[in-house]
Amino acid sequence: MARSVSEGHVIACHTVEEWNSQIQKGNDNKNLIVVDFTASWCGPCRIIAPLFADMAKKLSHVTFLKVDIDELQSVAADWAIEAMPTFIFLKEGKILDRIVGAKREELQQTIAKHTSSASA
């Protein structure tokens, strides 16, 4: 079976092509896209990762992407990522919000804010 847009889990982007493809699909579907810019060596990133994955399982209408800044340095630079984790909220190519740090409650509230406004 061909790999398609994954629903219900976090999609890790390992190449610039994968990144561009996932962003394009999210834009085409008019979905909220939540990107977790992370690093394997980042302790707070590892702490927040299970919450991010849990939200992806519960919110299949939201696209959850994960980008390792060491793996995709050009993407991290394009989005001016200076600290990890950084979460960026996108819809139809526009940045709606940005959270820097492993802020569990703020992450949940920001996703709720943008998913409720998307369905209103």
PDB file of N, CA and C in Angstrom:
ATOM      1  N   MET A   1       0.840  -1.169   0.000  1.00  0.00           N
ATOM      2  CA  MET A   1       0.000   0.000   0.000  1.00  0.00           C
ATOM      3  C   MET A   1       0.894   1.244   0.000  1.00  0.00           C
ATOM      4  N   ALA A   2       0.528   2.211  -0.807  1.00  0.00           N
ATOM      5  CA  ALA A   2       1.323   3.432  -0.923  1.00  0.00           C
ATOM      6  C   ALA A   2       1.187   4.270   0.338  1.00  0.00           C
ATOM      7  N   ARG A   3       2.252   4.948   0.685  1.00  0.00           N
ATOM      8  CA  ARG A   3       2.227   5.820   1.856  1.00  0.00           C
ATOM      9  C   ARG A   3       1.459   7.077   1.493  1.00  0.00           C
ATOM     10  N   SER A   4       0.482   7.422   2.268  1.00  0.00           N
ATOM     11  CA  SER A   4      -0.323   8.606   1.989  1.00  0.00           C
ATOM     12  C   SER A   4      -0.255   9.552   3.176  1.00  0.00           C
ATOM     13  N   VAL A   5      -1.034  10.622   3.081  1.00  0.00           N
ATOM     14  CA  VAL A   5      -1.080  11.547   4.206  1.00  0.00           C
ATOM     15  C   VAL A   5      -1.520  10.764   5.432  1.00  0.00           C
ATOM     16  N   SER A   6      -0.722  10.790   6.448  1.00  0.00           N
ATOM     17  CA  SER A   6      -1.005  10.021   7.651  1.00  0.00           C
ATOM     18  C   SER A   6      -1.981  10.793   8.521  1.00  0.00           C
ATOM     19  N   GLU A   7      -3.032  10.123   8.941  1.00  0.00           N
ATOM     20  CA  GLU A   7      -3.987  10.747   9.843  1.00  0.00           C
ATOM     21  C   GLU A   7      -3.854  10.097  11.201  1.00  0.00           C
ATOM     22  N   GLY A   8      -3.930  10.907  12.226  1.00  0.00           N
ATOM     23  CA  GLY A   8      -3.937  10.375  13.563  1.00  0.00           C
ATOM     24  C   GLY A   8      -2.575  10.119  14.171  1.00  0.00           C
ATOM     25  N   HIS A   9      -1.522  10.594  13.540  1.00  0.00           N
ATOM     26  CA  HIS A   9      -0.210  10.502  14.178  1.00  0.00           C
ATOM     27  C   HIS A   9       0.726  11.578  13.641  1.00  0.00           C
ATOM     28  N   VAL A  10       1.861  11.703  14.290  1.00  0.00           N
ATOM     29  CA  VAL A  10       2.840  12.721  13.919  1.00  0.00           C
ATOM     30  C   VAL A  10       3.625  12.241  12.704  1.00  0.00           C
ATOM     31  N   ILE A  11       3.750  13.111  11.716  1.00  0.00           N
ATOM     32  CA  ILE A  11       4.497  12.789  10.507  1.00  0.00           C
ATOM     33  C   ILE A  11       5.882  13.426  10.625  1.00  0.00           C
ATOM     34  N   ALA A  12       6.906  12.588  10.652  1.00  0.00           N
ATOM     35  CA  ALA A  12       8.285  13.090  10.713  1.00  0.00           C
ATOM     36  C   ALA A  12       8.754  13.397   9.295  1.00  0.00           C
ATOM     37  N   CYS A  13       9.244  14.596   9.098  1.00  0.00           N
ATOM     38  CA  CYS A  13       9.783  15.002   7.794  1.00  0.00           C
ATOM     39  C   CYS A  13      11.301  14.877   7.843  1.00  0.00           C
ATOM     40  N   HIS A  14      11.838  13.989   6.996  1.00  0.00           N
ATOM     41  CA  HIS A  14      13.282  13.739   7.008  1.00  0.00           C
ATOM     42  C   HIS A  14      14.013  14.377   5.829  1.00  0.00           C
ATOM     43  N   THR A  15      13.259  14.848   4.836  1.00  0.00           N
ATOM     44  CA  THR A  15      13.876  15.514   3.685  1.00  0.00           C
ATOM     45  C   THR A  15      13.100  16.801   3.399  1.00  0.00           C
ATOM     46  N   VAL A  16      13.733  17.712   2.701  1.00  0.00           N
ATOM     47  CA  VAL A  16      13.074  18.962   2.315  1.00  0.00           C
ATOM     48  C   VAL A  16      11.880  18.648   1.411  1.00  0.00           C
ATOM     49  N   GLU A  17      12.023  17.622   0.571  1.00  0.00           N
ATOM     50  CA  GLU A  17      10.930  17.227  -0.320  1.00  0.00           C
ATOM     51  C   GLU A  17       9.715  16.764   0.477  1.00  0.00           C
ATOM     52  N   GLU A  18       9.951  15.930   1.515  1.00  0.00           N
ATOM     53  CA  GLU A  18       8.844  15.479   2.378  1.00  0.00           C
ATOM     54  C   GLU A  18       8.178  16.679   3.051  1.00  0.00           C
ATOM     55  N   TRP A  19       8.993  17.584   3.561  1.00  0.00           N
ATOM     56  CA  TRP A  19       8.491  18.791   4.221  1.00  0.00           C
ATOM     57  C   TRP A  19       7.592  19.574   3.272  1.00  0.00           C
ATOM     58  N   ASN A  20       8.117  19.860   2.079  1.00  0.00           N
ATOM     59  CA  ASN A  20       7.352  20.639   1.104  1.00  0.00           C
ATOM     60  C   ASN A  20       6.055  19.934   0.722  1.00  0.00           C
ATOM     61  N   SER A  21       6.120  18.617   0.554  1.00  0.00           N
ATOM     62  CA  SER A  21       4.948  17.834   0.184  1.00  0.00           C
ATOM     63  C   SER A  21       3.884  17.887   1.282  1.00  0.00           C
ATOM     64  N   GLN A  22       4.284  17.708   2.532  1.00  0.00           N
ATOM     65  CA  GLN A  22       3.327  17.720   3.643  1.00  0.00           C
ATOM     66  C   GLN A  22       2.704  19.105   3.838  1.00  0.00           C
ATOM     67  N   ILE A  23       3.511  20.147   3.689  1.00  0.00           N
ATOM     68  CA  ILE A  23       2.986  21.514   3.808  1.00  0.00           C
ATOM     69  C   ILE A  23       1.979  21.768   2.688  1.00  0.00           C
ATOM     70  N   GLN A  24       2.317  21.347   1.477  1.00  0.00           N
ATOM     71  CA  GLN A  24       1.414  21.539   0.340  1.00  0.00           C
ATOM     72  C   GLN A  24       0.098  20.793   0.548  1.00  0.00           C
ATOM     73  N   LYS A  25       0.180  19.544   1.025  1.00  0.00           N
ATOM     74  CA  LYS A  25      -1.044  18.761   1.265  1.00  0.00           C
ATOM     75  C   LYS A  25      -1.911  19.428   2.328  1.00  0.00           C
ATOM     76  N   GLY A  26      -1.290  19.897   3.389  1.00  0.00           N
ATOM     77  CA  GLY A  26      -2.042  20.583   4.438  1.00  0.00           C
ATOM     78  C   GLY A  26      -2.701  21.849   3.925  1.00  0.00           C
ATOM     79  N   ASN A  27      -1.972  22.605   3.106  1.00  0.00           N
ATOM     80  CA  ASN A  27      -2.532  23.823   2.522  1.00  0.00           C
ATOM     81  C   ASN A  27      -3.686  23.495   1.590  1.00  0.00           C
ATOM     82  N   ASP A  28      -3.518  22.465   0.758  1.00  0.00           N
ATOM     83  CA  ASP A  28      -4.569  22.064  -0.181  1.00  0.00           C
ATOM     84  C   ASP A  28      -5.831  21.630   0.550  1.00  0.00           C
ATOM     85  N   ASN A  29      -5.651  20.921   1.681  1.00  0.00           N
ATOM     86  CA  ASN A  29      -6.789  20.442   2.469  1.00  0.00           C
ATOM     87  C   ASN A  29      -7.357  21.511   3.392  1.00  0.00           C
ATOM     88  N   LYS A  30      -6.682  22.658   3.451  1.00  0.00           N
ATOM     89  CA  LYS A  30      -7.056  23.750   4.349  1.00  0.00           C
ATOM     90  C   LYS A  30      -7.045  23.310   5.820  1.00  0.00           C
ATOM     91  N   ASN A  31      -6.205  22.336   6.122  1.00  0.00           N
ATOM     92  CA  ASN A  31      -6.063  21.841   7.498  1.00  0.00           C
ATOM     93  C   ASN A  31      -5.168  22.755   8.313  1.00  0.00           C
ATOM     94  N   LEU A  32      -5.409  22.753   9.621  1.00  0.00           N
ATOM     95  CA  LEU A  32      -4.451  23.353  10.539  1.00  0.00           C
ATOM     96  C   LEU A  32      -3.229  22.448  10.535  1.00  0.00           C
ATOM     97  N   ILE A  33      -2.049  23.031  10.447  1.00  0.00           N
ATOM     98  CA  ILE A  33      -0.791  22.287  10.501  1.00  0.00           C
ATOM     99  C   ILE A  33      -0.054  22.760  11.751  1.00  0.00           C
ATOM    100  N   VAL A  34       0.362  21.812  12.581  1.00  0.00           N
ATOM    101  CA  VAL A  34       1.153  22.133  13.765  1.00  0.00           C
ATOM    102  C   VAL A  34       2.510  21.468  13.570  1.00  0.00           C
ATOM    103  N   VAL A  35       3.554  22.283  13.551  1.00  0.00           N
ATOM    104  CA  VAL A  35       4.907  21.773  13.322  1.00  0.00           C
ATOM    105  C   VAL A  35       5.701  21.848  14.619  1.00  0.00           C
ATOM    106  N   ASP A  36       6.307  20.724  14.974  1.00  0.00           N
ATOM    107  CA  ASP A  36       7.190  20.634  16.137  1.00  0.00           C
ATOM    108  C   ASP A  36       8.619  20.629  15.621  1.00  0.00           C
ATOM    109  N   PHE A  37       9.324  21.749  15.813  1.00  0.00           N
ATOM    110  CA  PHE A  37      10.746  21.798  15.484  1.00  0.00           C
ATOM    111  C   PHE A  37      11.483  21.318  16.719  1.00  0.00           C
ATOM    112  N   THR A  38      12.213  20.223  16.578  1.00  0.00           N
ATOM    113  CA  THR A  38      12.782  19.508  17.709  1.00  0.00           C
ATOM    114  C   THR A  38      14.239  19.145  17.435  1.00  0.00           C
ATOM    115  N   ALA A  39      14.869  18.516  18.404  1.00  0.00           N
ATOM    116  CA  ALA A  39      16.232  17.988  18.245  1.00  0.00           C
ATOM    117  C   ALA A  39      16.366  16.766  19.141  1.00  0.00           C
ATOM    118  N   SER A  40      17.105  15.782  18.678  1.00  0.00           N
ATOM    119  CA  SER A  40      17.244  14.533  19.436  1.00  0.00           C
ATOM    120  C   SER A  40      17.913  14.760  20.794  1.00  0.00           C
ATOM    121  N   TRP A  41      18.763  15.781  20.892  1.00  0.00           N
ATOM    122  CA  TRP A  41      19.499  16.045  22.121  1.00  0.00           C
ATOM    123  C   TRP A  41      18.737  16.963  23.087  1.00  0.00           C
ATOM    124  N   CYS A  42      17.540  17.385  22.715  1.00  0.00           N
ATOM    125  CA  CYS A  42      16.771  18.373  23.481  1.00  0.00           C
ATOM    126  C   CYS A  42      15.883  17.681  24.516  1.00  0.00           C
ATOM    127  N   GLY A  43      16.215  17.840  25.807  1.00  0.00           N
ATOM    128  CA  GLY A  43      15.437  17.232  26.885  1.00  0.00           C
ATOM    129  C   GLY A  43      13.978  17.666  26.906  1.00  0.00           C
ATOM    130  N   PRO A  44      13.686  18.978  26.883  1.00  0.00           N
ATOM    131  CA  PRO A  44      12.289  19.415  26.879  1.00  0.00           C
ATOM    132  C   PRO A  44      11.506  18.885  25.667  1.00  0.00           C
ATOM    133  N   CYS A  45      12.180  18.707  24.540  1.00  0.00           N
ATOM    134  CA  CYS A  45      11.525  18.155  23.347  1.00  0.00           C
ATOM    135  C   CYS A  45      11.052  16.728  23.620  1.00  0.00           C
ATOM    136  N   ARG A  46      11.902  15.939  24.289  1.00  0.00           N
ATOM    137  CA  ARG A  46      11.542  14.554  24.596  1.00  0.00           C
ATOM    138  C   ARG A  46      10.400  14.502  25.607  1.00  0.00           C
ATOM    139  N   ILE A  47      10.344  15.474  26.505  1.00  0.00           N
ATOM    140  CA  ILE A  47       9.282  15.508  27.516  1.00  0.00           C
ATOM    141  C   ILE A  47       7.927  15.823  26.876  1.00  0.00           C
ATOM    142  N   ILE A  48       7.892  16.744  25.909  1.00  0.00           N
ATOM    143  CA  ILE A  48       6.622  17.164  25.307  1.00  0.00           C
ATOM    144  C   ILE A  48       6.182  16.237  24.162  1.00  0.00           C
ATOM    145  N   ALA A  49       7.085  15.424  23.630  1.00  0.00           N
ATOM    146  CA  ALA A  49       6.772  14.571  22.474  1.00  0.00           C
ATOM    147  C   ALA A  49       5.575  13.646  22.701  1.00  0.00           C
ATOM    148  N   PRO A  50       5.443  12.987  23.864  1.00  0.00           N
ATOM    149  CA  PRO A  50       4.270  12.115  24.052  1.00  0.00           C
ATOM    150  C   PRO A  50       2.939  12.883  24.019  1.00  0.00           C
ATOM    151  N   LEU A  51       2.910  14.088  24.544  1.00  0.00           N
ATOM    152  CA  LEU A  51       1.701  14.910  24.487  1.00  0.00           C
ATOM    153  C   LEU A  51       1.369  15.264  23.036  1.00  0.00           C
ATOM    154  N   PHE A  52       2.384  15.644  22.279  1.00  0.00           N
ATOM    155  CA  PHE A  52       2.204  16.006  20.869  1.00  0.00           C
ATOM    156  C   PHE A  52       1.635  14.810  20.108  1.00  0.00           C
ATOM    157  N   ALA A  53       2.191  13.616  20.359  1.00  0.00           N
ATOM    158  CA  ALA A  53       1.718  12.395  19.701  1.00  0.00           C
ATOM    159  C   ALA A  53       0.292  12.065  20.127  1.00  0.00           C
ATOM    160  N   ASP A  54      -0.033  12.271  21.395  1.00  0.00           N
ATOM    161  CA  ASP A  54      -1.376  11.993  21.895  1.00  0.00           C
ATOM    162  C   ASP A  54      -2.392  12.927  21.236  1.00  0.00           C
ATOM    163  N   MET A  55      -2.038  14.189  21.102  1.00  0.00           N
ATOM    164  CA  MET A  55      -2.946  15.144  20.445  1.00  0.00           C
ATOM    165  C   MET A  55      -3.145  14.760  18.980  1.00  0.00           C
ATOM    166  N   ALA A  56      -2.092  14.273  18.329  1.00  0.00           N
ATOM    167  CA  ALA A  56      -2.205  13.858  16.929  1.00  0.00           C
ATOM    168  C   ALA A  56      -3.192  12.698  16.790  1.00  0.00           C
ATOM    169  N   LYS A  57      -3.194  11.785  17.752  1.00  0.00           N
ATOM    170  CA  LYS A  57      -4.132  10.654  17.721  1.00  0.00           C
ATOM    171  C   LYS A  57      -5.571  11.129  17.896  1.00  0.00           C
ATOM    172  N   LYS A  58      -5.763  12.137  18.739  1.00  0.00           N
ATOM    173  CA  LYS A  58      -7.117  12.611  19.048  1.00  0.00           C
ATOM    174  C   LYS A  58      -7.669  13.570  17.994  1.00  0.00           C
ATOM    175  N   LEU A  59      -6.795  14.254  17.289  1.00  0.00           N
ATOM    176  CA  LEU A  59      -7.219  15.303  16.351  1.00  0.00           C
ATOM    177  C   LEU A  59      -6.792  14.947  14.926  1.00  0.00           C
ATOM    178  N   SER A  60      -7.480  14.001  14.329  1.00  0.00           N
ATOM    179  CA  SER A  60      -7.067  13.525  13.005  1.00  0.00           C
ATOM    180  C   SER A  60      -7.300  14.562  11.905  1.00  0.00           C
ATOM    181  N   HIS A  61      -8.080  15.610  12.179  1.00  0.00           N
ATOM    182  CA  HIS A  61      -8.318  16.670  11.197  1.00  0.00           C
ATOM    183  C   HIS A  61      -7.215  17.737  11.221  1.00  0.00           C
ATOM    184  N   VAL A  62      -6.252  17.570  12.109  1.00  0.00           N
ATOM    185  CA  VAL A  62      -5.103  18.483  12.195  1.00  0.00           C
ATOM    186  C   VAL A  62      -3.874  17.712  11.717  1.00  0.00           C
ATOM    187  N   THR A  63      -3.020  18.366  10.926  1.00  0.00           N
ATOM    188  CA  THR A  63      -1.778  17.754  10.467  1.00  0.00           C
ATOM    189  C   THR A  63      -0.673  18.091  11.457  1.00  0.00           C
ATOM    190  N   PHE A  64      -0.061  17.063  12.041  1.00  0.00           N
ATOM    191  CA  PHE A  64       1.031  17.244  13.000  1.00  0.00           C
ATOM    192  C   PHE A  64       2.336  16.809  12.340  1.00  0.00           C
ATOM    193  N   LEU A  65       3.266  17.748  12.201  1.00  0.00           N
ATOM    194  CA  LEU A  65       4.560  17.455  11.594  1.00  0.00           C
ATOM    195  C   LEU A  65       5.665  17.627  12.621  1.00  0.00           C
ATOM    196  N   LYS A  66       6.722  16.841  12.445  1.00  0.00           N
ATOM    197  CA  LYS A  66       7.890  16.941  13.317  1.00  0.00           C
ATOM    198  C   LYS A  66       9.120  17.117  12.429  1.00  0.00           C
ATOM    199  N   VAL A  67       9.940  18.109  12.766  1.00  0.00           N
ATOM    200  CA  VAL A  67      11.161  18.392  12.014  1.00  0.00           C
ATOM    201  C   VAL A  67      12.331  18.423  12.991  1.00  0.00           C
ATOM    202  N   ASP A  68      13.316  17.565  12.758  1.00  0.00           N
ATOM    203  CA  ASP A  68      14.552  17.584  13.539  1.00  0.00           C
ATOM    204  C   ASP A  68      15.440  18.673  12.938  1.00  0.00           C
ATOM    205  N   ILE A  69      15.756  19.678  13.729  1.00  0.00           N
ATOM    206  CA  ILE A  69      16.494  20.834  13.196  1.00  0.00           C
ATOM    207  C   ILE A  69      17.910  20.476  12.759  1.00  0.00           C
ATOM    208  N   ASP A  70      18.468  19.405  13.301  1.00  0.00           N
ATOM    209  CA  ASP A  70      19.797  18.974  12.868  1.00  0.00           C
ATOM    210  C   ASP A  70      19.728  18.237  11.529  1.00  0.00           C
ATOM    211  N   GLU A  71      18.587  17.617  11.276  1.00  0.00           N
ATOM    212  CA  GLU A  71      18.389  16.863  10.035  1.00  0.00           C
ATOM    213  C   GLU A  71      17.995  17.787   8.881  1.00  0.00           C
ATOM    214  N   LEU A  72      17.159  18.770   9.179  1.00  0.00           N
ATOM    215  CA  LEU A  72      16.678  19.710   8.150  1.00  0.00           C
ATOM    216  C   LEU A  72      17.042  21.136   8.547  1.00  0.00           C
ATOM    217  N   GLN A  73      18.338  21.401   8.554  1.00  0.00           N
ATOM    218  CA  GLN A  73      18.824  22.710   8.979  1.00  0.00           C
ATOM    219  C   GLN A  73      18.288  23.841   8.110  1.00  0.00           C
ATOM    220  N   SER A  74      18.135  23.593   6.813  1.00  0.00           N
ATOM    221  CA  SER A  74      17.656  24.647   5.906  1.00  0.00           C
ATOM    222  C   SER A  74      16.209  25.015   6.224  1.00  0.00           C
ATOM    223  N   VAL A  75      15.387  24.024   6.554  1.00  0.00           N
ATOM    224  CA  VAL A  75      13.983  24.295   6.915  1.00  0.00           C
ATOM    225  C   VAL A  75      13.944  25.080   8.224  1.00  0.00           C
ATOM    226  N   ALA A  76      14.732  24.656   9.201  1.00  0.00           N
ATOM    227  CA  ALA A  76      14.791  25.371  10.475  1.00  0.00           C
ATOM    228  C   ALA A  76      15.230  26.819  10.266  1.00  0.00           C
ATOM    229  N   ALA A  77      16.207  27.036   9.392  1.00  0.00           N
ATOM    230  CA  ALA A  77      16.679  28.393   9.106  1.00  0.00           C
ATOM    231  C   ALA A  77      15.590  29.211   8.408  1.00  0.00           C
ATOM    232  N   ASP A  78      14.888  28.582   7.462  1.00  0.00           N
ATOM    233  CA  ASP A  78      13.812  29.275   6.736  1.00  0.00           C
ATOM    234  C   ASP A  78      12.727  29.787   7.682  1.00  0.00           C
ATOM    235  N   TRP A  79      12.492  29.045   8.759  1.00  0.00           N
ATOM    236  CA  TRP A  79      11.432  29.390   9.706  1.00  0.00           C
ATOM    237  C   TRP A  79      11.989  30.092  10.946  1.00  0.00           C
ATOM    238  N   ALA A  80      13.252  30.495  10.901  1.00  0.00           N
ATOM    239  CA  ALA A  80      13.898  31.268  11.980  1.00  0.00           C
ATOM    240  C   ALA A  80      13.784  30.582  13.337  1.00  0.00           C
ATOM    241  N   ILE A  81      14.070  29.274  13.358  1.00  0.00           N
ATOM    242  CA  ILE A  81      14.010  28.510  14.591  1.00  0.00           C
ATOM    243  C   ILE A  81      15.304  28.743  15.367  1.00  0.00           C
ATOM    244  N   GLU A  82      15.164  29.245  16.596  1.00  0.00           N
ATOM    245  CA  GLU A  82      16.336  29.558  17.412  1.00  0.00           C
ATOM    246  C   GLU A  82      16.384  28.760  18.703  1.00  0.00           C
ATOM    247  N   ALA A  83      15.265  28.141  19.094  1.00  0.00           N
ATOM    248  CA  ALA A  83      15.214  27.366  20.333  1.00  0.00           C
ATOM    249  C   ALA A  83      14.286  26.172  20.120  1.00  0.00           C
ATOM    250  N   MET A  84      14.522  25.124  20.879  1.00  0.00           N
ATOM    251  CA  MET A  84      13.698  23.934  20.771  1.00  0.00           C
ATOM    252  C   MET A  84      13.066  23.624  22.120  1.00  0.00           C
ATOM    253  N   PRO A  85      11.856  23.086  22.110  1.00  0.00           N
ATOM    254  CA  PRO A  85      11.034  22.937  20.910  1.00  0.00           C
ATOM    255  C   PRO A  85      10.390  24.272  20.522  1.00  0.00           C
ATOM    256  N   THR A  86      10.153  24.445  19.234  1.00  0.00           N
ATOM    257  CA  THR A  86       9.339  25.551  18.731  1.00  0.00           C
ATOM    258  C   THR A  86       8.193  24.931  17.966  1.00  0.00           C
ATOM    259  N   PHE A  87       6.991  25.361  18.283  1.00  0.00           N
ATOM    260  CA  PHE A  87       5.790  24.890  17.595  1.00  0.00           C
ATOM    261  C   PHE A  87       5.256  26.028  16.745  1.00  0.00           C
ATOM    262  N   ILE A  88       5.025  25.735  15.473  1.00  0.00           N
ATOM    263  CA  ILE A  88       4.460  26.737  14.574  1.00  0.00           C
ATOM    264  C   ILE A  88       3.107  26.227  14.084  1.00  0.00           C
ATOM    265  N   PHE A  89       2.133  27.107  14.093  1.00  0.00           N
ATOM    266  CA  PHE A  89       0.769  26.785  13.683  1.00  0.00           C
ATOM    267  C   PHE A  89       0.507  27.468  12.344  1.00  0.00           C
ATOM    268  N   LEU A  90       0.174  26.677  11.331  1.00  0.00           N
ATOM    269  CA  LEU A  90      -0.015  27.187   9.975  1.00  0.00           C
ATOM    270  C   LEU A  90      -1.398  26.830   9.450  1.00  0.00           C
ATOM    271  N   LYS A  91      -1.923  27.697   8.613  1.00  0.00           N
ATOM    272  CA  LYS A  91      -3.161  27.387   7.908  1.00  0.00           C
ATOM    273  C   LYS A  91      -3.119  28.125   6.580  1.00  0.00           C
ATOM    274  N   GLU A  92      -3.273  27.356   5.513  1.00  0.00           N
ATOM    275  CA  GLU A  92      -3.272  27.904   4.160  1.00  0.00           C
ATOM    276  C   GLU A  92      -2.060  28.806   3.912  1.00  0.00           C
ATOM    277  N   GLY A  93      -0.896  28.357   4.395  1.00  0.00           N
ATOM    278  CA  GLY A  93       0.351  29.060   4.133  1.00  0.00           C
ATOM    279  C   GLY A  93       0.651  30.236   5.051  1.00  0.00           C
ATOM    280  N   LYS A  94      -0.242  30.508   5.989  1.00  0.00           N
ATOM    281  CA  LYS A  94      -0.043  31.645   6.895  1.00  0.00           C
ATOM    282  C   LYS A  94       0.294  31.144   8.300  1.00  0.00           C
ATOM    283  N   ILE A  95       1.222  31.843   8.947  1.00  0.00           N
ATOM    284  CA  ILE A  95       1.549  31.524  10.337  1.00  0.00           C
ATOM    285  C   ILE A  95       0.470  32.126  11.233  1.00  0.00           C
ATOM    286  N   LEU A  96      -0.177  31.264  12.012  1.00  0.00           N
ATOM    287  CA  LEU A  96      -1.220  31.718  12.940  1.00  0.00           C
ATOM    288  C   LEU A  96      -0.652  31.993  14.317  1.00  0.00           C
ATOM    289  N   ASP A  97       0.318  31.174  14.726  1.00  0.00           N
ATOM    290  CA  ASP A  97       0.872  31.272  16.076  1.00  0.00           C
ATOM    291  C   ASP A  97       2.235  30.614  16.117  1.00  0.00           C
ATOM    292  N   ARG A  98       2.960  30.898  17.194  1.00  0.00           N
ATOM    293  CA  ARG A  98       4.275  30.287  17.437  1.00  0.00           C
ATOM    294  C   ARG A  98       4.440  30.162  18.944  1.00  0.00           C
ATOM    295  N   ILE A  99       4.870  28.986  19.393  1.00  0.00           N
ATOM    296  CA  ILE A  99       5.159  28.758  20.811  1.00  0.00           C
ATOM    297  C   ILE A  99       6.600  28.279  20.892  1.00  0.00           C
ATOM    298  N   VAL A 100       7.388  28.921  21.741  1.00  0.00           N
ATOM    299  CA  VAL A 100       8.767  28.494  21.971  1.00  0.00           C
ATOM    300  C   VAL A 100       8.842  27.916  23.368  1.00  0.00           C
ATOM    301  N   GLY A 101       9.256  26.654  23.449  1.00  0.00           N
ATOM    302  CA  GLY A 101       9.383  25.985  24.741  1.00  0.00           C
ATOM    303  C   GLY A 101       8.365  24.873  24.900  1.00  0.00           C
ATOM    304  N   ALA A 102       8.624  23.988  25.846  1.00  0.00           N
ATOM    305  CA  ALA A 102       7.759  22.833  26.108  1.00  0.00           C
ATOM    306  C   ALA A 102       6.631  23.257  27.038  1.00  0.00           C
ATOM    307  N   LYS A 103       5.749  24.080  26.525  1.00  0.00           N
ATOM    308  CA  LYS A 103       4.649  24.648  27.308  1.00  0.00           C
ATOM    309  C   LYS A 103       3.375  23.853  27.036  1.00  0.00           C
ATOM    310  N   ARG A 104       3.194  22.823  27.827  1.00  0.00           N
ATOM    311  CA  ARG A 104       2.100  21.859  27.637  1.00  0.00           C
ATOM    312  C   ARG A 104       0.730  22.543  27.529  1.00  0.00           C
ATOM    313  N   GLU A 105       0.375  23.354  28.509  1.00  0.00           N
ATOM    314  CA  GLU A 105      -0.958  23.966  28.524  1.00  0.00           C
ATOM    315  C   GLU A 105      -1.130  24.955  27.378  1.00  0.00           C
ATOM    316  N   GLU A 106      -0.115  25.746  27.101  1.00  0.00           N
ATOM    317  CA  GLU A 106      -0.203  26.715  26.007  1.00  0.00           C
ATOM    318  C   GLU A 106      -0.352  25.992  24.670  1.00  0.00           C
ATOM    319  N   LEU A 107       0.349  24.876  24.497  1.00  0.00           N
ATOM    320  CA  LEU A 107       0.242  24.086  23.266  1.00  0.00           C
ATOM    321  C   LEU A 107      -1.191  23.572  23.094  1.00  0.00           C
ATOM    322  N   GLN A 108      -1.743  22.993  24.158  1.00  0.00           N
ATOM    323  CA  GLN A 108      -3.108  22.471  24.092  1.00  0.00           C
ATOM    324  C   GLN A 108      -4.116  23.587  23.820  1.00  0.00           C
ATOM    325  N   GLN A 109      -3.966  24.720  24.488  1.00  0.00           N
ATOM    326  CA  GLN A 109      -4.896  25.840  24.324  1.00  0.00           C
ATOM    327  C   GLN A 109      -4.811  26.437  22.920  1.00  0.00           C
ATOM    328  N   THR A 110      -3.604  26.535  22.392  1.00  0.00           N
ATOM    329  CA  THR A 110      -3.434  27.131  21.070  1.00  0.00           C
ATOM    330  C   THR A 110      -4.017  26.220  19.997  1.00  0.00           C
ATOM    331  N   ILE A 111      -3.822  24.921  20.128  1.00  0.00           N
ATOM    332  CA  ILE A 111      -4.434  23.982  19.175  1.00  0.00           C
ATOM    333  C   ILE A 111      -5.951  24.067  19.271  1.00  0.00           C
ATOM    334  N   ALA A 112      -6.490  24.103  20.495  1.00  0.00           N
ATOM    335  CA  ALA A 112      -7.931  24.202  20.688  1.00  0.00           C
ATOM    336  C   ALA A 112      -8.467  25.497  20.073  1.00  0.00           C
ATOM    337  N   LYS A 113      -7.745  26.586  20.263  1.00  0.00           N
ATOM    338  CA  LYS A 113      -8.176  27.888  19.726  1.00  0.00           C
ATOM    339  C   LYS A 113      -8.295  27.825  18.206  1.00  0.00           C
ATOM    340  N   HIS A 114      -7.294  27.246  17.544  1.00  0.00           N
ATOM    341  CA  HIS A 114      -7.287  27.246  16.084  1.00  0.00           C
ATOM    342  C   HIS A 114      -8.155  26.153  15.479  1.00  0.00           C
ATOM    343  N   THR A 115      -8.411  25.083  16.221  1.00  0.00           N
ATOM    344  CA  THR A 115      -9.313  24.060  15.680  1.00  0.00           C
ATOM    345  C   THR A 115     -10.762  24.481  15.860  1.00  0.00           C
ATOM    346  N   SER A 116     -11.081  25.188  16.933  1.00  0.00           N
ATOM    347  CA  SER A 116     -12.468  25.639  17.123  1.00  0.00           C
ATOM    348  C   SER A 116     -12.799  26.758  16.135  1.00  0.00           C
ATOM    349  N   SER A 117     -11.849  27.630  15.859  1.00  0.00           N
ATOM    350  CA  SER A 117     -12.109  28.700  14.891  1.00  0.00           C
ATOM    351  C   SER A 117     -12.184  28.131  13.474  1.00  0.00           C
ATOM    352  N   ALA A 118     -11.500  27.015  13.233  1.00  0.00           N
ATOM    353  CA  ALA A 118     -11.531  26.406  11.900  1.00  0.00           C
ATOM    354  C   ALA A 118     -12.885  25.756  11.640  1.00  0.00           C
ATOM    355  N   SER A 119     -13.526  25.251  12.688  1.00  0.00           N
ATOM    356  CA  SER A 119     -14.798  24.563  12.489  1.00  0.00           C
ATOM    357  C   SER A 119     -15.993  25.490  12.688  1.00  0.00           C
ATOM    358  N   ALA A 120     -15.734  26.709  13.115  1.00  0.00           N
ATOM    359  CA  ALA A 120     -16.837  27.645  13.373  1.00  0.00           C
ATOM    360  C   ALA A 120     -17.387  28.217  12.084  1.00  0.00           C
TER     361      ALA A 120
END
